[in-house]
C-alpha cells in the first residue's frame, strides 16, 4: 500500500532484469523501485518433490480441507488460514489467476487476520486503537513475490499468513498460497510493513504502544518465506520500456486515499 496519490505526473519504468532459461525452466524477474515480482515458469520432473514450507509442516495436525470464507486462526493465533476459490473475474486470458488478484488476496488476508485478532477498529484497514490515536497507517514496503504456478479458474487454494518482528521500524508479513489438495506451495510472498503518519505522509518507528498490541501474535526467529534479491537500480536511460505522463486517478485510490500497491503492478504490466 505504498505512496499516496498526487496530481503530479509520474513516470513508471519497466526493465527485464534477469532471464535464465533451459529445457524445463524459465525464470523472469521484474522490479520497480520498492516492489518486485519473480515468476517461475517451470515444468517439474515427475520425480520432483513438492516443496512444503516449514510453517505448513508445523500444521500437519491441523484440519486444512474445510474451506472457510472468513478464515480462522491456527497455531495459537500466530498463523491466519483462509481458503478461496479462483473466480472468473480474477483470471487472465489463460484462465489463470492474475498477478493483481494475487496481490489483492495477500492484502485481504492481512486485513482479515487483524479482524480475527480483534485488533482492527471500526472499518479501518488494519488500524489498531494505538495507531488511531497517533494517526498511523500501515504501508507495504519492499514486497517480494515468487510464483511457481498460477492457480487456475475454479481451483480452491489455501492462504497462510503470519507476521514477524523486523528491526525497530516495522514488521514483516509472510504469505503462502497452497494447493488445498496436495499441499504444494504455488505462491510465496514477503514484505516489510512500516508505520506512516497519514497527515505528514512520513514513515516512523513502530511505537511501543502499537508494538505491545501486536507482540503476542508476532513469530520470532522465522526466516522470510522469500529470499529478497537485491541489485542496483539502473539509470532511467537504460530502461527497455518507458511510459511518461502517467497520472493517478480517483479509481487508483484505496480507502486510505493513496495508490494501492496492486495498482502499481497494473501500471507496470500495462
Protein backbone atom coordinates (compact mmCIF):
# COMPACT_ATOMS: atom_id res chain seq x y z
CA UNK A 1 0.00 0.00 0.00
CA UNK A 2 2.83 2.46 -0.75
CA UNK A 3 2.92 6.12 -1.60
CA UNK A 4 -0.17 8.29 -1.76
CA UNK A 5 -1.61 9.61 -4.98
CA UNK A 6 -0.63 13.01 -6.28
CA UNK A 7 -1.85 15.26 -9.03
CA UNK A 8 1.74 15.42 -10.32
CA UNK A 9 2.50 13.28 -13.32
CA UNK A 10 4.86 10.41 -12.62
CA UNK A 11 6.98 8.01 -14.60
CA UNK A 12 6.78 4.21 -14.42
CA UNK A 13 9.70 2.32 -15.94
CA UNK A 14 9.92 -1.42 -16.61
CA UNK A 15 13.04 -3.39 -17.32
CA UNK A 16 13.51 -7.11 -17.72
CA UNK A 17 16.23 -7.51 -15.12
CA UNK A 18 17.27 -11.11 -15.49
CA UNK A 19 16.37 -14.06 -17.69
CA UNK A 20 17.70 -17.58 -17.49
CA UNK A 21 16.32 -20.47 -19.44
CA UNK A 22 16.87 -24.14 -20.13
CA UNK A 23 14.83 -27.10 -21.32
CA UNK A 24 12.49 -27.18 -18.34
CA UNK A 25 12.54 -23.79 -16.65
CA UNK A 26 12.42 -20.12 -17.47
CA UNK A 27 12.80 -17.52 -14.71
CA UNK A 28 11.91 -13.87 -15.18
CA UNK A 29 12.29 -11.13 -12.61
CA UNK A 30 10.83 -7.66 -12.81
CA UNK A 31 11.37 -4.82 -10.37
CA UNK A 32 10.34 -1.22 -9.90
CA UNK A 33 11.97 0.67 -7.01
CA UNK A 34 10.27 -0.88 -3.95
CA UNK A 35 8.18 -3.67 -5.43
CA UNK A 36 9.47 -6.82 -7.09
CA UNK A 37 7.95 -9.82 -8.79
CA UNK A 38 9.65 -13.08 -9.65
CA UNK A 39 7.85 -15.56 -11.88
CA UNK A 40 8.97 -19.15 -12.31
CA UNK A 41 7.54 -20.92 -15.35
CA UNK A 42 8.54 -24.50 -14.66
CA UNK A 43 7.60 -27.98 -15.80
CA UNK A 44 8.80 -30.12 -12.86
CA UNK A 45 10.01 -33.63 -13.48
CA UNK A 46 7.72 -36.43 -12.37
CA UNK A 47 10.04 -37.38 -9.54
CA UNK A 48 10.38 -33.83 -8.19
CA UNK A 49 9.39 -33.48 -4.54
CA UNK A 50 6.68 -30.99 -3.61
CA UNK A 51 8.21 -28.15 -1.63
CA UNK A 52 6.37 -27.61 1.64
CA UNK A 53 7.37 -24.58 3.77
CA UNK A 54 8.11 -25.21 7.43
CA UNK A 55 5.00 -23.32 8.57
CA UNK A 56 2.85 -25.88 6.72
CA UNK A 57 4.78 -28.79 8.16
CA UNK A 58 4.11 -27.38 11.63
CA UNK A 59 0.38 -27.60 10.87
CA UNK A 60 0.25 -31.28 9.91
CA UNK A 61 -2.25 -31.95 12.68
CA UNK A 62 -4.46 -29.01 11.73
CA UNK A 63 -7.58 -29.55 9.65
CA UNK A 64 -6.94 -27.85 6.31
CA UNK A 65 -9.53 -29.31 3.97
CA UNK A 66 -12.66 -27.44 5.06
CA UNK A 67 -12.99 -24.18 3.07
CA UNK A 68 -13.57 -21.09 5.18
CA UNK A 69 -14.57 -17.78 3.64
CA UNK A 70 -13.88 -15.77 6.80
CA UNK A 71 -10.68 -17.63 7.64
CA UNK A 72 -9.53 -18.81 11.05
CA UNK A 73 -6.63 -18.59 13.46
CA UNK A 74 -4.26 -21.53 13.96
CA UNK A 75 -1.01 -22.08 15.86
CA UNK A 76 -2.32 -20.14 18.86
CA UNK A 77 -3.28 -17.16 16.73
CA UNK A 78 0.16 -16.79 15.13
CA UNK A 79 -0.99 -18.01 11.72
CA UNK A 80 -4.08 -17.00 9.75
CA UNK A 81 -5.62 -19.55 7.38
CA UNK A 82 -8.17 -18.81 4.65
CA UNK A 83 -9.46 -20.84 1.70
CA UNK A 84 -10.54 -19.13 -1.52
CA UNK A 85 -11.88 -20.25 -4.88
CA UNK A 86 -10.46 -18.64 -8.02
CA UNK A 87 -13.31 -16.77 -9.68
CA UNK A 88 -13.84 -15.87 -13.32
CA UNK A 89 -13.19 -12.14 -12.86
CA UNK A 90 -9.82 -12.85 -11.18
CA UNK A 91 -8.26 -14.69 -14.12
CA UNK A 92 -6.41 -13.61 -17.23
CA UNK A 93 -6.77 -14.70 -20.84
CA UNK A 94 -5.16 -18.07 -19.99
CA UNK A 95 -7.69 -18.89 -17.22
CA UNK A 96 -5.03 -18.32 -14.54
CA UNK A 97 -5.26 -16.05 -11.51
CA UNK A 98 -3.90 -12.63 -12.43
CA UNK A 99 -0.96 -11.13 -10.56
CA UNK A 100 -3.22 -8.29 -9.44
CA UNK A 101 -5.65 -10.80 -7.91
CA UNK A 102 -2.77 -12.48 -6.08
CA UNK A 103 -1.63 -9.18 -4.56
CA UNK A 104 -5.20 -8.31 -3.58
CA UNK A 105 -5.65 -11.67 -1.84
CA UNK A 106 -2.42 -11.16 0.11
CA UNK A 107 -3.62 -7.78 1.33
CA UNK A 108 -7.07 -9.16 2.12
CA UNK A 109 -5.54 -11.96 4.21
CA UNK A 110 -3.62 -9.37 6.25
CA UNK A 111 -6.75 -7.34 6.91
CA UNK A 112 -8.82 -10.40 7.80
CA UNK A 113 -6.06 -11.57 10.14
CA UNK A 114 -6.21 -8.27 12.03
CA UNK A 115 -10.01 -8.52 12.22
CA UNK A 116 -9.84 -12.07 13.57
CA UNK A 117 -7.40 -10.93 16.25
CA UNK A 118 -9.77 -8.13 17.25
CA UNK A 119 -7.12 -5.50 16.55
CA UNK A 120 -8.98 -3.58 13.85
CA UNK A 121 -11.33 -0.84 14.98
CA UNK A 122 -14.35 0.45 13.08
CA UNK A 123 -13.99 -0.13 9.35
CA UNK A 124 -10.37 0.99 9.12
CA UNK A 125 -7.80 -1.11 7.28
CA UNK A 126 -5.82 -2.95 9.95
CA UNK A 127 -5.73 0.09 12.23
CA UNK A 128 -5.25 -0.72 15.93
CA UNK A 129 -6.53 1.60 18.70
CA UNK A 130 -2.96 2.77 19.34
CA UNK A 131 -2.43 3.55 15.66
CA UNK A 132 -5.66 5.53 15.51
CA UNK A 133 -4.62 7.77 18.39
CA UNK A 134 -1.37 8.62 16.61
CA UNK A 135 -2.88 8.89 13.08
CA UNK A 136 -0.78 5.99 11.81
CA UNK A 137 -1.42 3.55 8.95
CA UNK A 138 0.44 0.51 7.63
CA UNK A 139 2.48 0.88 4.44
CA UNK A 140 3.81 -2.06 2.42
CA UNK A 141 7.46 -1.57 1.52
CA UNK A 142 9.78 -3.86 -0.41
CA UNK A 143 7.32 -6.61 -1.38
CA UNK A 144 8.73 -9.78 -2.96
CA UNK A 145 6.57 -12.42 -4.64
CA UNK A 146 7.56 -15.76 -6.15
CA UNK A 147 5.09 -17.67 -8.33
CA UNK A 148 5.78 -21.30 -9.16
CA UNK A 149 2.36 -21.92 -10.67
CA UNK A 150 -0.65 -19.66 -11.08
CA UNK A 151 -3.88 -21.05 -9.60
CA UNK A 152 -6.46 -21.74 -12.30
CA UNK A 153 -10.13 -20.81 -12.58
CA UNK A 154 -12.26 -22.89 -10.20
CA UNK A 155 -9.36 -24.14 -8.10
CA UNK A 156 -9.61 -23.86 -4.32
CA UNK A 157 -6.40 -22.65 -2.73
CA UNK A 158 -5.39 -22.02 0.84
CA UNK A 159 -3.69 -18.84 2.02
CA UNK A 160 -1.49 -18.95 5.12
CA UNK A 161 -0.34 -15.65 6.59
CA UNK A 162 1.83 -14.72 9.57
CA UNK A 163 3.82 -11.75 10.85
CA UNK A 164 7.31 -11.46 12.31
CA UNK A 165 9.28 -8.79 14.10
CA UNK A 166 11.61 -6.86 11.79
CA UNK A 167 14.01 -4.46 13.47
CA UNK A 168 12.77 -1.29 15.14
CA UNK A 169 10.82 0.18 12.25
CA UNK A 170 8.13 -2.36 11.43
CA UNK A 171 7.09 -5.97 10.98
CA UNK A 172 7.48 -8.49 8.17
CA UNK A 173 4.43 -10.04 6.56
CA UNK A 174 4.75 -13.53 5.04
CA UNK A 175 2.23 -15.47 2.96
CA UNK A 176 1.92 -18.72 1.05
CA UNK A 177 -0.81 -19.74 -1.38
CA UNK A 178 -1.08 -23.54 -1.48
CA UNK A 179 -2.93 -26.18 -3.47
CA UNK A 180 -5.54 -27.36 -0.97
CA UNK A 181 -5.48 -30.93 -2.30
CA UNK A 182 -1.72 -31.59 -2.49
CA UNK A 183 -0.27 -29.01 -0.10
CA UNK A 184 2.02 -27.81 -2.90
CA UNK A 185 3.09 -24.20 -2.44
CA UNK A 186 2.13 -22.21 -5.54
CA UNK A 187 2.98 -18.68 -4.38
CA UNK A 188 5.29 -17.29 -1.70
CA UNK A 189 5.39 -13.63 -0.68
CA UNK A 190 7.13 -11.50 1.89
CA UNK A 191 7.18 -7.78 2.58
CA UNK A 192 8.14 -5.21 5.19
CA UNK A 193 5.22 -3.26 6.68
CA UNK A 194 6.11 0.08 8.26
CA UNK A 195 4.24 2.87 10.01
CA UNK A 196 3.27 6.04 8.17
CA UNK A 197 1.66 9.16 9.62
CA UNK A 198 -1.39 9.75 7.42
CA UNK A 199 -1.21 13.52 7.95
CA UNK A 200 2.51 14.13 7.32
CA UNK A 201 2.86 11.15 4.94
CA UNK A 202 6.19 10.30 6.58
CA UNK A 203 7.26 6.91 7.91
CA UNK A 204 8.17 6.49 11.56
CA UNK A 205 9.41 3.89 14.04
CA UNK A 206 6.97 1.34 15.40
CA UNK A 207 5.61 2.95 18.62
CA UNK A 208 5.86 0.93 21.82
CA UNK A 209 2.09 1.14 22.32
CA UNK A 210 1.43 -0.44 18.94
CA UNK A 211 4.18 -3.00 19.48
CA UNK A 212 2.51 -4.05 22.73
CA UNK A 213 -0.80 -4.52 20.90
CA UNK A 214 0.61 -6.96 18.36
CA UNK A 215 3.61 -8.59 20.07
CA UNK A 216 1.61 -11.65 21.22
CA UNK A 217 0.99 -12.56 17.56
CA UNK A 218 4.47 -11.94 16.18
CA UNK A 219 6.51 -15.02 15.33
CA UNK A 220 10.13 -14.99 16.45
CA UNK A 221 13.23 -16.22 14.63
CA UNK A 222 11.34 -17.22 11.47
CA UNK A 223 13.19 -16.78 8.18
CA UNK A 224 11.45 -14.84 5.37
CA UNK A 225 9.40 -17.14 3.15
CA UNK A 226 11.00 -15.37 0.16
CA UNK A 227 14.68 -14.53 -0.01
CA UNK A 228 14.92 -10.93 -1.15
CA UNK A 229 17.16 -10.39 -4.17
CA UNK A 230 18.99 -7.11 -4.43
CA UNK A 231 20.56 -5.30 -7.33
CA UNK A 232 21.31 -1.72 -8.12
CA UNK A 233 18.56 0.17 -9.91
CA UNK A 234 19.73 1.04 -13.44
CA UNK A 235 19.69 4.53 -14.82
CA UNK A 236 16.42 5.61 -16.45
CA UNK A 237 18.17 5.84 -19.83
CA UNK A 238 18.96 2.11 -19.58
CA UNK A 239 15.33 1.05 -19.28
CA UNK A 240 13.88 -1.05 -22.07
CA UNK A 241 10.39 0.45 -21.85
CA UNK A 242 9.37 3.86 -20.52
CA UNK A 243 5.91 5.38 -20.25
CA UNK A 244 5.66 9.02 -19.25
CA UNK A 245 2.73 11.25 -18.41
CA UNK A 246 1.12 8.75 -16.06
CA UNK A 247 -1.32 10.45 -13.68
CA UNK A 248 -3.00 8.55 -10.81
CA UNK A 249 -6.79 8.80 -10.95
CA UNK A 250 -9.51 8.53 -8.31
CA UNK A 251 -10.09 4.93 -9.32
CA UNK A 252 -6.48 4.13 -8.32
CA UNK A 253 -7.00 5.16 -4.67
CA UNK A 254 -7.96 2.91 -1.77
CA UNK A 255 -9.73 3.84 1.48
CA UNK A 256 -6.52 5.39 2.84
CA UNK A 257 -6.55 7.80 -0.12
CA UNK A 258 -3.31 6.58 -1.64
CA UNK A 259 -2.44 4.42 -4.60
CA UNK A 260 -2.75 0.79 -3.59
CA UNK A 261 0.27 -1.46 -4.17
CA UNK A 262 -1.65 -3.68 -6.60
CA UNK A 263 -2.26 -0.64 -8.83
CA UNK A 264 1.49 -0.18 -9.32
CA UNK A 265 1.70 -3.68 -10.72
CA UNK A 266 -1.19 -2.90 -13.09
CA UNK A 267 0.71 0.12 -14.41
CA UNK A 268 3.95 -1.85 -14.79
CA UNK A 269 2.40 -4.77 -16.65
CA UNK A 270 0.43 -2.44 -18.91
